[in-house]
């Protein structure tokens, strides 16, 4: 499956498929790529967005078959996940993952109340302030979240293809339903 470690590729996409809130942006930026590296973003088309939406039920079914989310995929599982991607118009699972990651990053940057796009770094900075102020979090959990957020902020995430913003906004309701 390309040059990405299989379990990391699967985990990134499955996580992005299930989370559409601020934590998805933090995960995409902080965990999907090594610290200091931004996740791969791709220019989206309407067809790609619709294909990501259509692929979600198959991806969720596939995820149910895994023994553990971090486990290495065997040859049969790799073939199955690539078949899902191809069924939905992608050349490979890597391409589906890149589109899903791109969509997740944009979605996490859309204000749920106004529908307006907000720069990812501003969202992360606000999340960091919220975590620091949250007295209900255990100290160890707070420390980990702060480290992850600070690493994500340091990477200065930006949406590379601004045309993706309007496209994701157009399909926001369908994406929210599919990725929940």
N, C-alpha and C. Protein backbone atom coordinates (compact mmCIF):
# COMPACT_ATOMS: atom_id res chain seq x y z
N UNK A 1 0.82 -1.18 0.00
CA UNK A 1 0.00 0.00 0.00
C UNK A 1 0.86 1.25 0.00
N UNK A 2 1.51 1.50 -1.04
CA UNK A 2 2.34 2.70 -1.12
C UNK A 2 3.51 2.61 -0.16
N UNK A 3 3.96 3.77 0.29
CA UNK A 3 5.11 3.79 1.18
C UNK A 3 4.73 4.08 2.63
N UNK A 4 3.44 3.99 2.96
CA UNK A 4 3.00 4.27 4.31
C UNK A 4 2.86 2.96 5.08
N UNK A 5 3.18 2.94 6.37
CA UNK A 5 2.93 1.74 7.17
C UNK A 5 1.43 1.45 7.18
N UNK A 6 1.08 0.21 6.91
CA UNK A 6 -0.32 -0.15 6.75
C UNK A 6 -1.18 0.20 7.94
N UNK A 7 -0.78 -0.16 9.14
CA UNK A 7 -1.63 0.10 10.30
C UNK A 7 -1.81 1.60 10.52
N UNK A 8 -0.79 2.40 10.27
CA UNK A 8 -0.90 3.85 10.44
C UNK A 8 -1.87 4.42 9.42
N UNK A 9 -1.81 3.92 8.18
CA UNK A 9 -2.71 4.38 7.13
C UNK A 9 -4.15 4.06 7.52
N UNK A 10 -4.38 2.84 7.95
CA UNK A 10 -5.73 2.43 8.31
C UNK A 10 -6.23 3.23 9.51
N UNK A 11 -5.42 3.36 10.53
CA UNK A 11 -5.84 4.09 11.71
C UNK A 11 -6.18 5.54 11.39
N UNK A 12 -5.37 6.17 10.56
CA UNK A 12 -5.61 7.57 10.21
C UNK A 12 -6.96 7.71 9.53
N UNK A 13 -7.23 6.86 8.56
CA UNK A 13 -8.48 6.98 7.82
C UNK A 13 -9.67 6.60 8.67
N UNK A 14 -9.56 5.53 9.43
CA UNK A 14 -10.69 5.14 10.27
C UNK A 14 -10.99 6.21 11.30
N UNK A 15 -9.95 6.79 11.86
CA UNK A 15 -10.17 7.86 12.84
C UNK A 15 -10.84 9.06 12.16
N UNK A 16 -10.34 9.43 11.03
CA UNK A 16 -10.91 10.57 10.31
C UNK A 16 -12.35 10.29 9.92
N UNK A 17 -12.65 9.03 9.67
CA UNK A 17 -14.01 8.66 9.28
C UNK A 17 -14.98 8.76 10.44
N UNK A 18 -14.50 8.61 11.65
CA UNK A 18 -15.38 8.57 12.81
C UNK A 18 -15.44 9.87 13.59
N UNK A 19 -14.55 10.80 13.34
CA UNK A 19 -14.48 12.02 14.15
C UNK A 19 -14.52 13.24 13.24
N UNK A 20 -15.41 14.17 13.54
CA UNK A 20 -15.52 15.36 12.71
C UNK A 20 -15.48 16.66 13.53
N UNK A 21 -15.03 16.56 14.76
CA UNK A 21 -14.99 17.74 15.61
C UNK A 21 -13.56 18.25 15.74
N UNK A 22 -13.33 19.14 16.66
CA UNK A 22 -12.00 19.70 16.85
C UNK A 22 -10.94 18.65 17.12
N UNK A 23 -11.31 17.61 17.82
CA UNK A 23 -10.32 16.59 18.11
C UNK A 23 -9.83 15.92 16.84
N UNK A 24 -10.65 15.88 15.78
CA UNK A 24 -10.17 15.29 14.53
C UNK A 24 -9.07 16.14 13.92
N UNK A 25 -9.21 17.44 14.02
CA UNK A 25 -8.15 18.30 13.50
C UNK A 25 -6.87 18.07 14.28
N UNK A 26 -6.99 18.00 15.60
CA UNK A 26 -5.81 17.76 16.42
C UNK A 26 -5.17 16.43 16.04
N UNK A 27 -5.99 15.40 15.84
CA UNK A 27 -5.47 14.09 15.50
C UNK A 27 -4.85 14.09 14.12
N UNK A 28 -5.52 14.71 13.17
CA UNK A 28 -4.98 14.75 11.81
C UNK A 28 -3.62 15.44 11.80
N UNK A 29 -3.54 16.56 12.50
CA UNK A 29 -2.29 17.31 12.48
C UNK A 29 -1.23 16.68 13.36
N UNK A 30 -1.62 16.27 14.57
CA UNK A 30 -0.62 15.81 15.54
C UNK A 30 -0.28 14.33 15.39
N UNK A 31 -1.23 13.51 14.98
CA UNK A 31 -0.98 12.07 14.99
C UNK A 31 -0.88 11.44 13.61
N UNK A 32 -1.49 12.03 12.60
CA UNK A 32 -1.49 11.41 11.28
C UNK A 32 -0.14 11.51 10.60
N UNK A 33 0.65 12.43 11.03
CA UNK A 33 1.97 12.61 10.42
C UNK A 33 2.98 12.80 11.54
N UNK A 34 4.22 12.50 11.26
CA UNK A 34 5.24 12.75 12.28
C UNK A 34 5.24 14.22 12.67
N UNK A 35 5.61 14.49 13.94
CA UNK A 35 5.63 15.88 14.40
C UNK A 35 6.50 16.70 13.46
N UNK A 36 5.95 17.85 13.08
CA UNK A 36 6.67 18.72 12.16
C UNK A 36 6.27 18.51 10.71
N UNK A 37 5.65 17.36 10.41
CA UNK A 37 5.18 17.10 9.05
C UNK A 37 3.67 17.27 9.01
N UNK A 38 3.20 17.99 8.02
CA UNK A 38 1.76 18.15 7.86
C UNK A 38 1.21 16.94 7.12
N UNK A 39 -0.05 16.59 7.40
CA UNK A 39 -0.65 15.49 6.65
C UNK A 39 -0.77 15.88 5.18
N UNK A 40 -0.76 14.88 4.31
CA UNK A 40 -0.88 15.14 2.88
C UNK A 40 -2.28 15.65 2.58
N UNK A 41 -2.34 16.76 1.88
CA UNK A 41 -3.61 17.33 1.45
C UNK A 41 -3.66 17.24 -0.07
N UNK A 42 -4.86 16.98 -0.58
CA UNK A 42 -5.03 16.86 -2.02
C UNK A 42 -6.15 17.78 -2.48
N UNK A 43 -6.08 18.24 -3.73
CA UNK A 43 -7.21 19.00 -4.26
C UNK A 43 -8.39 18.04 -4.42
N UNK A 44 -9.55 18.49 -3.99
CA UNK A 44 -10.75 17.65 -4.05
C UNK A 44 -11.62 18.03 -5.24
N UNK A 45 -12.39 17.06 -5.67
CA UNK A 45 -13.43 17.30 -6.67
C UNK A 45 -14.76 16.91 -6.04
N UNK A 46 -15.86 17.33 -6.65
CA UNK A 46 -17.17 16.91 -6.14
C UNK A 46 -17.26 15.39 -6.11
N UNK A 47 -16.76 14.76 -7.17
CA UNK A 47 -16.81 13.29 -7.24
C UNK A 47 -16.02 12.65 -6.10
N UNK A 48 -14.86 13.19 -5.78
CA UNK A 48 -14.05 12.64 -4.70
C UNK A 48 -14.78 12.76 -3.36
N UNK A 49 -15.39 13.91 -3.11
CA UNK A 49 -16.12 14.11 -1.85
C UNK A 49 -17.30 13.14 -1.77
N UNK A 50 -18.05 13.03 -2.87
CA UNK A 50 -19.18 12.11 -2.88
C UNK A 50 -18.71 10.66 -2.72
N UNK A 51 -17.56 10.32 -3.27
CA UNK A 51 -17.02 8.97 -3.14
C UNK A 51 -16.58 8.67 -1.70
N UNK A 52 -16.00 9.66 -1.03
CA UNK A 52 -15.63 9.48 0.38
C UNK A 52 -16.90 9.22 1.19
N UNK A 53 -17.95 9.98 0.93
CA UNK A 53 -19.22 9.79 1.64
C UNK A 53 -19.75 8.38 1.38
N UNK A 54 -19.75 7.98 0.12
CA UNK A 54 -20.28 6.66 -0.25
C UNK A 54 -19.46 5.52 0.33
N UNK A 55 -18.18 5.72 0.54
CA UNK A 55 -17.29 4.65 1.03
C UNK A 55 -17.44 4.41 2.53
N UNK A 56 -17.99 5.34 3.27
CA UNK A 56 -18.00 5.24 4.74
C UNK A 56 -18.68 3.98 5.27
N UNK A 57 -19.84 3.59 4.77
CA UNK A 57 -20.44 2.34 5.31
C UNK A 57 -19.52 1.12 5.11
N UNK A 58 -18.87 1.03 3.97
CA UNK A 58 -17.96 -0.09 3.71
C UNK A 58 -16.74 -0.04 4.64
N UNK A 59 -16.21 1.16 4.86
CA UNK A 59 -15.06 1.31 5.74
C UNK A 59 -15.43 0.95 7.17
N UNK A 60 -16.60 1.38 7.61
CA UNK A 60 -17.03 1.06 8.97
C UNK A 60 -17.24 -0.44 9.13
N UNK A 61 -17.80 -1.10 8.13
CA UNK A 61 -17.96 -2.56 8.17
C UNK A 61 -16.60 -3.25 8.23
N UNK A 62 -15.68 -2.77 7.41
CA UNK A 62 -14.33 -3.35 7.41
C UNK A 62 -13.68 -3.19 8.78
N UNK A 63 -13.84 -2.03 9.38
CA UNK A 63 -13.23 -1.76 10.69
C UNK A 63 -13.74 -2.74 11.74
N UNK A 64 -14.98 -3.16 11.63
CA UNK A 64 -15.54 -4.12 12.58
C UNK A 64 -14.84 -5.48 12.51
N UNK A 65 -14.21 -5.78 11.38
CA UNK A 65 -13.56 -7.09 11.22
C UNK A 65 -12.15 -7.12 11.81
N UNK A 66 -11.63 -5.97 12.19
CA UNK A 66 -10.26 -5.91 12.71
C UNK A 66 -10.22 -6.34 14.17
N UNK A 67 -9.21 -7.10 14.51
CA UNK A 67 -9.04 -7.55 15.90
C UNK A 67 -8.72 -6.38 16.81
N UNK A 68 -7.82 -5.52 16.36
CA UNK A 68 -7.50 -4.31 17.11
C UNK A 68 -7.11 -3.23 16.11
N UNK A 69 -7.48 -1.99 16.39
CA UNK A 69 -7.23 -0.90 15.45
C UNK A 69 -5.77 -0.70 15.06
N UNK A 70 -4.84 -0.99 15.96
CA UNK A 70 -3.43 -0.74 15.66
C UNK A 70 -2.72 -1.93 15.03
N UNK A 71 -3.44 -3.02 14.85
CA UNK A 71 -2.81 -4.23 14.33
C UNK A 71 -2.42 -4.08 12.87
N UNK A 72 -1.34 -4.73 12.52
CA UNK A 72 -0.87 -4.76 11.14
C UNK A 72 -1.89 -5.55 10.31
N UNK A 73 -2.20 -5.05 9.13
CA UNK A 73 -3.13 -5.76 8.25
C UNK A 73 -2.41 -6.90 7.56
N UNK A 74 -3.12 -8.00 7.40
CA UNK A 74 -2.55 -9.10 6.63
C UNK A 74 -2.84 -8.85 5.15
N UNK A 75 -2.32 -9.70 4.32
CA UNK A 75 -2.45 -9.52 2.87
C UNK A 75 -3.92 -9.48 2.43
N UNK A 76 -4.72 -10.36 3.01
CA UNK A 76 -6.14 -10.41 2.67
C UNK A 76 -6.86 -9.12 3.06
N UNK A 77 -6.54 -8.59 4.23
CA UNK A 77 -7.15 -7.34 4.70
C UNK A 77 -6.71 -6.16 3.84
N UNK A 78 -5.43 -6.14 3.46
CA UNK A 78 -4.95 -5.06 2.58
C UNK A 78 -5.69 -5.09 1.25
N UNK A 79 -5.87 -6.28 0.74
CA UNK A 79 -6.60 -6.43 -0.53
C UNK A 79 -8.04 -5.94 -0.37
N UNK A 80 -8.67 -6.31 0.74
CA UNK A 80 -10.06 -5.90 0.98
C UNK A 80 -10.19 -4.38 1.09
N UNK A 81 -9.30 -3.73 1.82
CA UNK A 81 -9.42 -2.29 1.99
C UNK A 81 -9.12 -1.56 0.67
N UNK A 82 -8.22 -2.09 -0.12
CA UNK A 82 -7.96 -1.50 -1.44
C UNK A 82 -9.15 -1.71 -2.37
N UNK A 83 -9.82 -2.85 -2.25
CA UNK A 83 -11.02 -3.09 -3.07
C UNK A 83 -12.13 -2.11 -2.72
N UNK A 84 -12.26 -1.79 -1.44
CA UNK A 84 -13.25 -0.79 -1.03
C UNK A 84 -12.93 0.54 -1.69
N UNK A 85 -11.68 0.94 -1.64
CA UNK A 85 -11.28 2.21 -2.26
C UNK A 85 -11.58 2.20 -3.76
N UNK A 86 -11.22 1.13 -4.42
CA UNK A 86 -11.43 1.04 -5.88
C UNK A 86 -12.92 1.02 -6.21
N UNK A 87 -13.71 0.34 -5.39
CA UNK A 87 -15.17 0.30 -5.59
C UNK A 87 -15.75 1.71 -5.61
N UNK A 88 -15.13 2.61 -4.87
CA UNK A 88 -15.64 3.97 -4.75
C UNK A 88 -14.85 4.98 -5.58
N UNK A 89 -14.10 4.48 -6.56
CA UNK A 89 -13.48 5.36 -7.54
C UNK A 89 -12.07 5.84 -7.24
N UNK A 90 -11.45 5.31 -6.21
CA UNK A 90 -10.08 5.70 -5.88
C UNK A 90 -9.11 4.65 -6.42
N UNK A 91 -7.93 5.07 -6.78
CA UNK A 91 -6.92 4.15 -7.32
C UNK A 91 -6.43 3.19 -6.24
N UNK A 92 -6.42 3.65 -4.99
CA UNK A 92 -5.92 2.83 -3.89
C UNK A 92 -6.49 3.37 -2.58
N UNK A 93 -6.25 2.60 -1.53
CA UNK A 93 -6.66 3.06 -0.21
C UNK A 93 -5.90 4.32 0.19
N UNK A 94 -4.64 4.43 -0.22
CA UNK A 94 -3.87 5.64 0.08
C UNK A 94 -4.57 6.88 -0.47
N UNK A 95 -5.12 6.78 -1.69
CA UNK A 95 -5.83 7.92 -2.28
C UNK A 95 -7.10 8.24 -1.50
N UNK A 96 -7.83 7.22 -1.09
CA UNK A 96 -9.02 7.43 -0.28
C UNK A 96 -8.65 8.07 1.05
N UNK A 97 -7.57 7.59 1.65
CA UNK A 97 -7.10 8.16 2.91
C UNK A 97 -6.73 9.64 2.75
N UNK A 98 -6.02 9.97 1.67
CA UNK A 98 -5.62 11.36 1.45
C UNK A 98 -6.85 12.27 1.30
N UNK A 99 -7.85 11.81 0.57
CA UNK A 99 -9.07 12.60 0.39
C UNK A 99 -9.80 12.75 1.72
N UNK A 100 -9.89 11.67 2.50
CA UNK A 100 -10.58 11.71 3.79
C UNK A 100 -9.86 12.63 4.76
N UNK A 101 -8.54 12.57 4.79
CA UNK A 101 -7.75 13.43 5.67
C UNK A 101 -7.95 14.89 5.29
N UNK A 102 -7.94 15.18 4.00
CA UNK A 102 -8.14 16.54 3.52
C UNK A 102 -9.51 17.05 3.93
N UNK A 103 -10.53 16.23 3.71
CA UNK A 103 -11.90 16.61 4.08
C UNK A 103 -11.99 16.84 5.58
N UNK A 104 -11.42 15.95 6.37
CA UNK A 104 -11.49 16.06 7.83
C UNK A 104 -10.84 17.34 8.32
N UNK A 105 -9.72 17.70 7.72
CA UNK A 105 -9.03 18.93 8.13
C UNK A 105 -9.90 20.15 7.84
N UNK A 106 -10.54 20.18 6.67
CA UNK A 106 -11.40 21.31 6.34
C UNK A 106 -12.64 21.30 7.22
N UNK A 107 -13.27 20.13 7.39
CA UNK A 107 -14.47 20.03 8.22
C UNK A 107 -14.22 20.52 9.63
N UNK A 108 -13.10 20.13 10.19
CA UNK A 108 -12.77 20.53 11.56
C UNK A 108 -12.52 22.03 11.67
N UNK A 109 -12.35 22.69 10.55
CA UNK A 109 -12.08 24.13 10.54
C UNK A 109 -13.33 24.94 10.20
N UNK A 110 -14.46 24.27 10.09
CA UNK A 110 -15.71 24.98 9.81
C UNK A 110 -16.47 25.15 11.12
N UNK A 111 -16.77 26.40 11.45
CA UNK A 111 -17.50 26.70 12.67
C UNK A 111 -18.89 26.07 12.57
N UNK A 112 -19.25 25.19 13.51
CA UNK A 112 -20.54 24.52 13.42
C UNK A 112 -21.75 25.45 13.55
N UNK A 113 -21.55 26.59 14.21
CA UNK A 113 -22.66 27.53 14.39
C UNK A 113 -22.87 28.42 13.16
N UNK A 114 -21.77 28.90 12.59
CA UNK A 114 -21.88 29.85 11.48
C UNK A 114 -21.66 29.22 10.11
N UNK A 115 -21.00 28.07 10.08
CA UNK A 115 -20.67 27.44 8.80
C UNK A 115 -19.47 28.09 8.12
N UNK A 116 -18.86 29.04 8.80
CA UNK A 116 -17.72 29.75 8.23
C UNK A 116 -16.42 29.00 8.51
N UNK A 117 -15.47 29.15 7.60
CA UNK A 117 -14.16 28.54 7.75
C UNK A 117 -13.32 29.37 8.72
N UNK A 118 -12.60 28.69 9.62
CA UNK A 118 -11.70 29.33 10.56
C UNK A 118 -10.34 28.65 10.39
N UNK A 119 -9.27 29.42 10.32
CA UNK A 119 -7.94 28.83 10.14
C UNK A 119 -7.67 27.77 11.20
N UNK A 120 -7.14 26.61 10.80
CA UNK A 120 -6.88 25.52 11.74
C UNK A 120 -6.05 25.93 12.95
N UNK A 121 -5.06 26.76 12.76
CA UNK A 121 -4.21 27.16 13.88
C UNK A 121 -5.02 27.89 14.95
N UNK A 122 -5.97 28.73 14.55
CA UNK A 122 -6.80 29.45 15.51
C UNK A 122 -7.66 28.47 16.31
N UNK A 123 -8.18 27.46 15.65
CA UNK A 123 -9.00 26.46 16.34
C UNK A 123 -8.15 25.70 17.36
N UNK A 124 -6.95 25.32 16.94
CA UNK A 124 -6.05 24.60 17.84
C UNK A 124 -5.66 25.45 19.04
N UNK A 125 -5.40 26.73 18.80
CA UNK A 125 -5.03 27.63 19.90
C UNK A 125 -6.19 27.76 20.89
N UNK A 126 -7.41 27.85 20.39
CA UNK A 126 -8.58 27.94 21.28
C UNK A 126 -8.75 26.64 22.05
N UNK A 127 -8.57 25.51 21.37
CA UNK A 127 -8.66 24.21 22.04
C UNK A 127 -7.61 24.10 23.14
N UNK A 128 -6.40 24.59 22.88
CA UNK A 128 -5.34 24.56 23.89
C UNK A 128 -5.75 25.37 25.12
N UNK A 129 -6.29 26.55 24.91
CA UNK A 129 -6.75 27.38 26.03
C UNK A 129 -7.86 26.66 26.81
N UNK A 130 -8.78 26.02 26.09
CA UNK A 130 -9.87 25.29 26.74
C UNK A 130 -9.33 24.14 27.59
N UNK A 131 -8.35 23.41 27.06
CA UNK A 131 -7.75 22.28 27.79
C UNK A 131 -7.04 22.78 29.04
N UNK A 132 -6.29 23.86 28.91
CA UNK A 132 -5.58 24.42 30.06
C UNK A 132 -6.55 24.86 31.15
N UNK A 133 -7.72 25.34 30.75
CA UNK A 133 -8.70 25.85 31.72
C UNK A 133 -9.61 24.75 32.28
N UNK A 134 -9.63 23.58 31.66
CA UNK A 134 -10.52 22.49 32.07
C UNK A 134 -10.01 21.83 33.34
N UNK A 135 -10.66 22.12 34.44
CA UNK A 135 -10.25 21.58 35.75
C UNK A 135 -10.74 20.14 35.96
N UNK A 136 -11.60 19.65 35.08
CA UNK A 136 -12.12 18.29 35.21
C UNK A 136 -11.17 17.24 34.64
N UNK A 137 -10.19 17.66 33.85
CA UNK A 137 -9.23 16.72 33.27
C UNK A 137 -8.19 16.29 34.29
N UNK A 138 -7.83 15.03 34.24
CA UNK A 138 -6.74 14.54 35.09
C UNK A 138 -5.45 15.19 34.62
N UNK A 139 -4.52 15.42 35.54
CA UNK A 139 -3.27 16.10 35.21
C UNK A 139 -2.53 15.43 34.07
N UNK A 140 -2.44 14.10 34.12
CA UNK A 140 -1.70 13.37 33.07
C UNK A 140 -2.38 13.52 31.71
N UNK A 141 -3.71 13.42 31.71
CA UNK A 141 -4.45 13.59 30.45
C UNK A 141 -4.27 15.00 29.90
N UNK A 142 -4.35 16.00 30.79
CA UNK A 142 -4.16 17.39 30.38
C UNK A 142 -2.77 17.57 29.77
N UNK A 143 -1.76 17.01 30.44
CA UNK A 143 -0.38 17.14 29.97
C UNK A 143 -0.23 16.56 28.56
N UNK A 144 -0.79 15.39 28.32
CA UNK A 144 -0.70 14.75 27.00
C UNK A 144 -1.41 15.59 25.95
N UNK A 145 -2.62 16.05 26.26
CA UNK A 145 -3.37 16.86 25.30
C UNK A 145 -2.65 18.17 24.99
N UNK A 146 -2.08 18.78 26.00
CA UNK A 146 -1.35 20.04 25.79
C UNK A 146 -0.14 19.79 24.89
N UNK A 147 0.60 18.72 25.14
CA UNK A 147 1.75 18.39 24.28
C UNK A 147 1.33 18.16 22.84
N UNK A 148 0.24 17.42 22.64
CA UNK A 148 -0.24 17.14 21.29
C UNK A 148 -0.69 18.43 20.59
N UNK A 149 -1.42 19.25 21.32
CA UNK A 149 -1.89 20.51 20.73
C UNK A 149 -0.74 21.45 20.42
N UNK A 150 0.22 21.55 21.32
CA UNK A 150 1.37 22.43 21.07
C UNK A 150 2.15 21.95 19.85
N UNK A 151 2.29 20.64 19.69
CA UNK A 151 2.98 20.11 18.50
C UNK A 151 2.18 20.42 17.24
N UNK A 152 0.88 20.28 17.33
CA UNK A 152 0.03 20.58 16.16
C UNK A 152 0.11 22.06 15.81
N UNK A 153 0.07 22.93 16.81
CA UNK A 153 0.16 24.37 16.57
C UNK A 153 1.52 24.72 15.97
N UNK A 154 2.58 24.10 16.47
CA UNK A 154 3.92 24.37 15.96
C UNK A 154 4.04 23.99 14.49
N UNK A 155 3.27 23.00 14.07
CA UNK A 155 3.34 22.60 12.66
C UNK A 155 2.63 23.60 11.76
N UNK A 156 1.91 24.56 12.37
CA UNK A 156 1.21 25.63 11.67
C UNK A 156 0.37 25.09 10.51
N UNK A 157 -0.63 24.26 10.83
CA UNK A 157 -1.44 23.66 9.77
C UNK A 157 -2.21 24.70 8.97
N UNK A 158 -2.21 24.52 7.68
CA UNK A 158 -2.95 25.39 6.78
C UNK A 158 -3.66 24.52 5.74
N UNK A 159 -4.78 24.98 5.29
CA UNK A 159 -5.45 24.30 4.19
C UNK A 159 -4.71 24.70 2.92
N UNK A 160 -4.10 23.72 2.25
CA UNK A 160 -3.26 24.00 1.09
C UNK A 160 -4.07 24.33 -0.16
N UNK A 161 -5.23 23.75 -0.28
CA UNK A 161 -6.05 23.94 -1.48
C UNK A 161 -7.34 24.66 -1.06
N UNK A 162 -7.31 25.99 -1.12
CA UNK A 162 -8.44 26.78 -0.62
C UNK A 162 -9.74 26.46 -1.33
N UNK A 163 -9.67 25.97 -2.55
CA UNK A 163 -10.89 25.60 -3.28
C UNK A 163 -11.63 24.45 -2.58
N UNK A 164 -10.92 23.69 -1.76
CA UNK A 164 -11.55 22.59 -1.02
C UNK A 164 -12.55 23.10 0.02
N UNK A 165 -12.35 24.30 0.51
CA UNK A 165 -13.21 24.84 1.57
C UNK A 165 -14.65 24.94 1.08
N UNK A 166 -14.88 25.57 -0.04
CA UNK A 166 -16.25 25.73 -0.56
C UNK A 166 -16.87 24.37 -0.89
N UNK A 167 -16.05 23.47 -1.39
CA UNK A 167 -16.54 22.13 -1.74
C UNK A 167 -16.98 21.37 -0.49
N UNK A 168 -16.18 21.41 0.55
CA UNK A 168 -16.54 20.72 1.79
C UNK A 168 -17.75 21.40 2.43
N UNK A 169 -17.81 22.73 2.38
CA UNK A 169 -18.98 23.43 2.93
C UNK A 169 -20.25 23.01 2.19
N UNK A 170 -20.15 22.82 0.89
CA UNK A 170 -21.31 22.41 0.07
C UNK A 170 -21.86 21.06 0.53
N UNK A 171 -20.97 20.15 0.90
CA UNK A 171 -21.38 18.80 1.28
C UNK A 171 -21.32 18.56 2.79
N UNK A 172 -21.22 19.64 3.57
CA UNK A 172 -21.01 19.52 5.01
C UNK A 172 -22.02 18.62 5.70
N UNK A 173 -23.30 18.81 5.44
CA UNK A 173 -24.32 18.01 6.13
C UNK A 173 -24.17 16.53 5.80
N UNK A 174 -23.95 16.20 4.53
CA UNK A 174 -23.77 14.81 4.12
C UNK A 174 -22.49 14.23 4.72
N UNK A 175 -21.43 15.03 4.77
CA UNK A 175 -20.18 14.58 5.36
C UNK A 175 -20.33 14.34 6.86
N UNK A 176 -21.01 15.25 7.55
CA UNK A 176 -21.24 15.08 8.99
C UNK A 176 -21.97 13.77 9.26
N UNK A 177 -22.99 13.47 8.48
CA UNK A 177 -23.76 12.23 8.67
C UNK A 177 -22.88 11.01 8.38
N UNK A 178 -22.15 11.07 7.29
CA UNK A 178 -21.34 9.91 6.86
C UNK A 178 -20.17 9.65 7.80
N UNK A 179 -19.58 10.68 8.34
CA UNK A 179 -18.37 10.54 9.13
C UNK A 179 -18.64 10.44 10.64
N UNK A 180 -19.90 10.38 11.04
CA UNK A 180 -20.16 10.29 12.48
C UNK A 180 -19.94 8.91 13.01
